Amino acid sequence: MKYTTNEKKPSQMFLDALKGGGSSCVHCNCGRTHYAPCNLYDSDDESDYENALKDAYEAQKKDPDGVVINNEDDFIFAKDIDGRTFVVDCPCNGLTKYENWIWSNRDAIRDYLKVRVAQEALWAEQEVVKNKLAGIT
């Protein structure tokens, strides 16, 4: 099997922290393509829906492990991290490794953020001084 599978899902708390969206067709970072056939057409023409559904099932027939069809939802929901897109309900559960990494390195991340925020504050103060000297208020 060329597609990864992980039983452990990322937490809802982690998913809520990430940006993302939904679409009728999303390519997950693991290589799988996810379809929501009920939203694969843009008109009220029933034949558009039937053709979209047929195309999705033909793609699944060619690559049964790589094509996931979700007839339950209108959209496939995805989240972005590190320049990659992950489908929320994909069997790869690829976001789990990011959540685990962040949590297991939280002390180092916290220390970095503390130093970075202090530096950003110093730079902001310097900008205020520069602006006052330049007559900008």
C-alpha atoms as a PDB file:
ATOM      1  CA  MET A   1       0.000   0.000   0.000  1.00  0.00           C
ATOM      2  CA  LYS A   2       1.569   3.282  -1.085  1.00  0.00           C
ATOM      3  CA  TYR A   3      -0.650   5.557   1.029  1.00  0.00           C
ATOM      4  CA  THR A   4       0.007   6.026   4.732  1.00  0.00           C
ATOM      5  CA  THR A   5      -2.641   5.264   7.291  1.00  0.00           C
ATOM      6  CA  ASN A   6      -2.650   6.360  10.911  1.00  0.00           C
ATOM      7  CA  GLU A   7      -5.425   5.454  13.322  1.00  0.00           C
ATOM      8  CA  LYS A   8      -4.652   8.363  15.677  1.00  0.00           C
ATOM      9  CA  LYS A   9      -6.503  11.515  14.673  1.00  0.00           C
ATOM     10  CA  PRO A  10      -5.400  15.039  15.544  1.00  0.00           C
ATOM     11  CA  SER A  11      -7.378  16.717  18.312  1.00  0.00           C
ATOM     12  CA  GLN A  12     -10.231  19.066  17.542  1.00  0.00           C
ATOM     13  CA  MET A  13      -8.345  21.721  19.499  1.00  0.00           C
ATOM     14  CA  PHE A  14      -5.436  21.454  17.043  1.00  0.00           C
ATOM     15  CA  LEU A  15      -7.737  21.456  13.990  1.00  0.00           C
ATOM     16  CA  ASP A  16      -9.493  24.582  15.268  1.00  0.00           C
ATOM     17  CA  ALA A  17      -6.136  26.379  15.515  1.00  0.00           C
ATOM     18  CA  LEU A  18      -5.291  25.815  11.841  1.00  0.00           C
ATOM     19  CA  LYS A  19      -6.498  27.699   8.783  1.00  0.00           C
ATOM     20  CA  GLY A  20      -8.215  25.787   6.034  1.00  0.00           C
ATOM     21  CA  GLY A  21     -11.372  25.438   4.045  1.00  0.00           C
ATOM     22  CA  GLY A  22     -13.539  23.140   2.053  1.00  0.00           C
ATOM     23  CA  SER A  23     -13.914  22.100  -1.551  1.00  0.00           C
ATOM     24  CA  SER A  24     -15.627  19.452  -3.621  1.00  0.00           C
ATOM     25  CA  CYS A  25     -12.265  17.896  -4.492  1.00  0.00           C
ATOM     26  CA  VAL A  26      -9.095  18.089  -2.379  1.00  0.00           C
ATOM     27  CA  HIS A  27      -5.699  16.467  -2.846  1.00  0.00           C
ATOM     28  CA  CYS A  28      -4.283  15.487   0.541  1.00  0.00           C
ATOM     29  CA  ASN A  29      -0.556  15.724   1.198  1.00  0.00           C
ATOM     30  CA  CYS A  30      -0.438  11.916   1.499  1.00  0.00           C
ATOM     31  CA  GLY A  31      -1.359  11.587  -2.179  1.00  0.00           C
ATOM     32  CA  ARG A  32      -5.011  10.647  -1.840  1.00  0.00           C
ATOM     33  CA  THR A  33      -7.707  12.599  -3.690  1.00  0.00           C
ATOM     34  CA  HIS A  34     -10.971  13.187  -1.835  1.00  0.00           C
ATOM     35  CA  TYR A  35     -14.255  13.900  -3.610  1.00  0.00           C
ATOM     36  CA  ALA A  36     -17.615  15.182  -2.419  1.00  0.00           C
ATOM     37  CA  PRO A  37     -19.639  14.302  -5.551  1.00  0.00           C
ATOM     38  CA  CYS A  38     -22.774  16.173  -4.522  1.00  0.00           C
ATOM     39  CA  ASN A  39     -20.815  19.387  -5.006  1.00  0.00           C
ATOM     40  CA  LEU A  40     -18.827  18.506  -8.127  1.00  0.00           C
ATOM     41  CA  TYR A  41     -21.128  20.379 -10.469  1.00  0.00           C
ATOM     42  CA  ASP A  42     -22.083  24.032 -10.852  1.00  0.00           C
ATOM     43  CA  SER A  43     -25.538  23.887 -12.364  1.00  0.00           C
ATOM     44  CA  ASP A  44     -29.004  22.573 -11.648  1.00  0.00           C
ATOM     45  CA  ASP A  45     -28.622  20.067 -14.482  1.00  0.00           C
ATOM     46  CA  GLU A  46     -28.917  16.567 -12.988  1.00  0.00           C
ATOM     47  CA  SER A  47     -26.692  15.145 -15.736  1.00  0.00           C
ATOM     48  CA  ASP A  48     -23.803  17.328 -14.453  1.00  0.00           C
ATOM     49  CA  TYR A  49     -24.107  15.619 -11.092  1.00  0.00           C
ATOM     50  CA  GLU A  50     -24.320  12.167 -12.661  1.00  0.00           C
ATOM     51  CA  ASN A  51     -21.247  12.840 -14.797  1.00  0.00           C
ATOM     52  CA  ALA A  52     -19.276  14.162 -11.807  1.00  0.00           C
ATOM     53  CA  LEU A  53     -20.265  11.129  -9.767  1.00  0.00           C
ATOM     54  CA  LYS A  54     -19.298   8.804 -12.616  1.00  0.00           C
ATOM     55  CA  ASP A  55     -15.898  10.518 -12.960  1.00  0.00           C
ATOM     56  CA  ALA A  56     -15.234  10.190  -9.227  1.00  0.00           C
ATOM     57  CA  TYR A  57     -16.092   6.484  -9.211  1.00  0.00           C
ATOM     58  CA  GLU A  58     -13.994   5.853 -12.331  1.00  0.00           C
ATOM     59  CA  ALA A  59     -11.031   7.522 -10.618  1.00  0.00           C
ATOM     60  CA  GLN A  60     -11.637   5.349  -7.560  1.00  0.00           C
ATOM     61  CA  LYS A  61     -11.784   2.229  -9.706  1.00  0.00           C
ATOM     62  CA  LYS A  62      -8.335   3.076 -11.150  1.00  0.00           C
ATOM     63  CA  ASP A  63      -6.836   3.809  -7.725  1.00  0.00           C
ATOM     64  CA  PRO A  64      -9.026   2.347  -4.958  1.00  0.00           C
ATOM     65  CA  ASP A  65      -6.638   3.272  -2.146  1.00  0.00           C
ATOM     66  CA  GLY A  66      -5.880   6.725  -3.527  1.00  0.00           C
ATOM     67  CA  VAL A  67      -9.392   8.025  -4.152  1.00  0.00           C
ATOM     68  CA  VAL A  68     -11.828   8.627  -1.313  1.00  0.00           C
ATOM     69  CA  ILE A  69     -15.445   9.450  -2.094  1.00  0.00           C
ATOM     70  CA  ASN A  70     -17.522  11.100   0.610  1.00  0.00           C
ATOM     71  CA  ASN A  71     -21.215  11.101  -0.239  1.00  0.00           C
ATOM     72  CA  GLU A  72     -22.216  12.291   3.227  1.00  0.00           C
ATOM     73  CA  ASP A  73     -20.864  15.848   3.166  1.00  0.00           C
ATOM     74  CA  ASP A  74     -21.153  18.754   0.751  1.00  0.00           C
ATOM     75  CA  PHE A  75     -17.468  19.584   1.054  1.00  0.00           C
ATOM     76  CA  ILE A  76     -14.150  17.966   1.823  1.00  0.00           C
ATOM     77  CA  PHE A  77     -12.582  19.856   4.707  1.00  0.00           C
ATOM     78  CA  ALA A  78      -8.852  20.463   4.721  1.00  0.00           C
ATOM     79  CA  LYS A  79      -6.305  22.242   6.903  1.00  0.00           C
ATOM     80  CA  ASP A  80      -3.015  23.800   5.877  1.00  0.00           C
ATOM     81  CA  ILE A  81       0.249  23.583   7.772  1.00  0.00           C
ATOM     82  CA  ASP A  82       3.850  23.971   6.701  1.00  0.00           C
ATOM     83  CA  GLY A  83       2.773  24.699   3.127  1.00  0.00           C
ATOM     84  CA  ARG A  84       0.923  21.400   2.881  1.00  0.00           C
ATOM     85  CA  THR A  85      -2.773  20.567   2.659  1.00  0.00           C
ATOM     86  CA  PHE A  86      -4.221  17.751   4.739  1.00  0.00           C
ATOM     87  CA  VAL A  87      -7.789  16.464   4.452  1.00  0.00           C
ATOM     88  CA  VAL A  88      -9.316  16.418   7.918  1.00  0.00           C
ATOM     89  CA  ASP A  89     -10.899  12.959   7.663  1.00  0.00           C
ATOM     90  CA  CYS A  90      -8.176  11.323   5.553  1.00  0.00           C
ATOM     91  CA  PRO A  91      -6.994   7.906   6.733  1.00  0.00           C
ATOM     92  CA  CYS A  92      -3.426   9.286   6.815  1.00  0.00           C
ATOM     93  CA  ASN A  93      -4.276  11.627   9.710  1.00  0.00           C
ATOM     94  CA  GLY A  94      -1.159  13.500   8.620  1.00  0.00           C
ATOM     95  CA  LEU A  95      -1.779  16.418  10.960  1.00  0.00           C
ATOM     96  CA  THR A  96      -1.264  14.178  13.971  1.00  0.00           C
ATOM     97  CA  LYS A  97       2.512  14.182  13.529  1.00  0.00           C
ATOM     98  CA  TYR A  98       2.564  17.994  13.574  1.00  0.00           C
ATOM     99  CA  GLU A  99       0.426  18.168  16.695  1.00  0.00           C
ATOM    100  CA  ASN A 100       2.591  15.547  18.411  1.00  0.00           C
ATOM    101  CA  TRP A 101       5.790  17.393  17.441  1.00  0.00           C
ATOM    102  CA  ILE A 102       4.502  20.728  18.712  1.00  0.00           C
ATOM    103  CA  TRP A 103       3.290  19.234  21.973  1.00  0.00           C
ATOM    104  CA  SER A 104       6.455  17.242  22.637  1.00  0.00           C
ATOM    105  CA  ASN A 105       8.567  20.360  21.946  1.00  0.00           C
ATOM    106  CA  ARG A 106       6.307  22.817  23.766  1.00  0.00           C
ATOM    107  CA  ASP A 107       8.972  23.876  26.293  1.00  0.00           C
ATOM    108  CA  ALA A 108      11.445  24.830  23.558  1.00  0.00           C
ATOM    109  CA  ILE A 109       8.664  26.517  21.569  1.00  0.00           C
ATOM    110  CA  ARG A 110       7.548  28.442  24.666  1.00  0.00           C
ATOM    111  CA  ASP A 111      11.156  29.578  25.312  1.00  0.00           C
ATOM    112  CA  TYR A 112      11.548  30.667  21.701  1.00  0.00           C
ATOM    113  CA  LEU A 113       8.276  32.627  21.770  1.00  0.00           C
ATOM    114  CA  LYS A 114       9.286  34.349  25.004  1.00  0.00           C
ATOM    115  CA  VAL A 115      12.606  35.498  23.498  1.00  0.00           C
ATOM    116  CA  ARG A 116      11.010  36.410  20.171  1.00  0.00           C
ATOM    117  CA  VAL A 117       8.211  38.464  21.740  1.00  0.00           C
ATOM    118  CA  ALA A 118      10.766  40.361  23.855  1.00  0.00           C
ATOM    119  CA  GLN A 119      12.835  41.085  20.737  1.00  0.00           C
ATOM    120  CA  GLU A 120       9.776  42.183  18.763  1.00  0.00           C
ATOM    121  CA  ALA A 121       8.833  44.552  21.611  1.00  0.00           C
ATOM    122  CA  LEU A 122      12.350  46.047  21.588  1.00  0.00           C
ATOM    123  CA  TRP A 123      12.201  46.562  17.830  1.00  0.00           C
ATOM    124  CA  ALA A 124       8.774  48.196  18.149  1.00  0.00           C
ATOM    125  CA  GLU A 125      10.127  50.612  20.792  1.00  0.00           C
ATOM    126  CA  GLN A 126      13.049  51.476  18.503  1.00  0.00           C
ATOM    127  CA  GLU A 127      10.628  52.221  15.665  1.00  0.00           C
ATOM    128  CA  VAL A 128       8.661  54.578  17.916  1.00  0.00           C
ATOM    129  CA  VAL A 129      11.875  56.465  18.762  1.00  0.00           C
ATOM    130  CA  LYS A 130      12.891  56.638  15.098  1.00  0.00           C
ATOM    131  CA  ASN A 131       9.446  57.918  14.144  1.00  0.00           C
ATOM    132  CA  LYS A 132       9.558  60.622  16.864  1.00  0.00           C
ATOM    133  CA  LEU A 133      12.998  61.731  15.680  1.00  0.00           C
ATOM    134  CA  ALA A 134      11.677  61.883  12.108  1.00  0.00           C
ATOM    135  CA  GLY A 135       8.681  63.925  13.223  1.00  0.00           C
ATOM    136  CA  ILE A 136       6.212  61.115  12.536  1.00  0.00           C
ATOM    137  CA  THR A 137       3.649  60.584  15.272  1.00  0.00           C
END
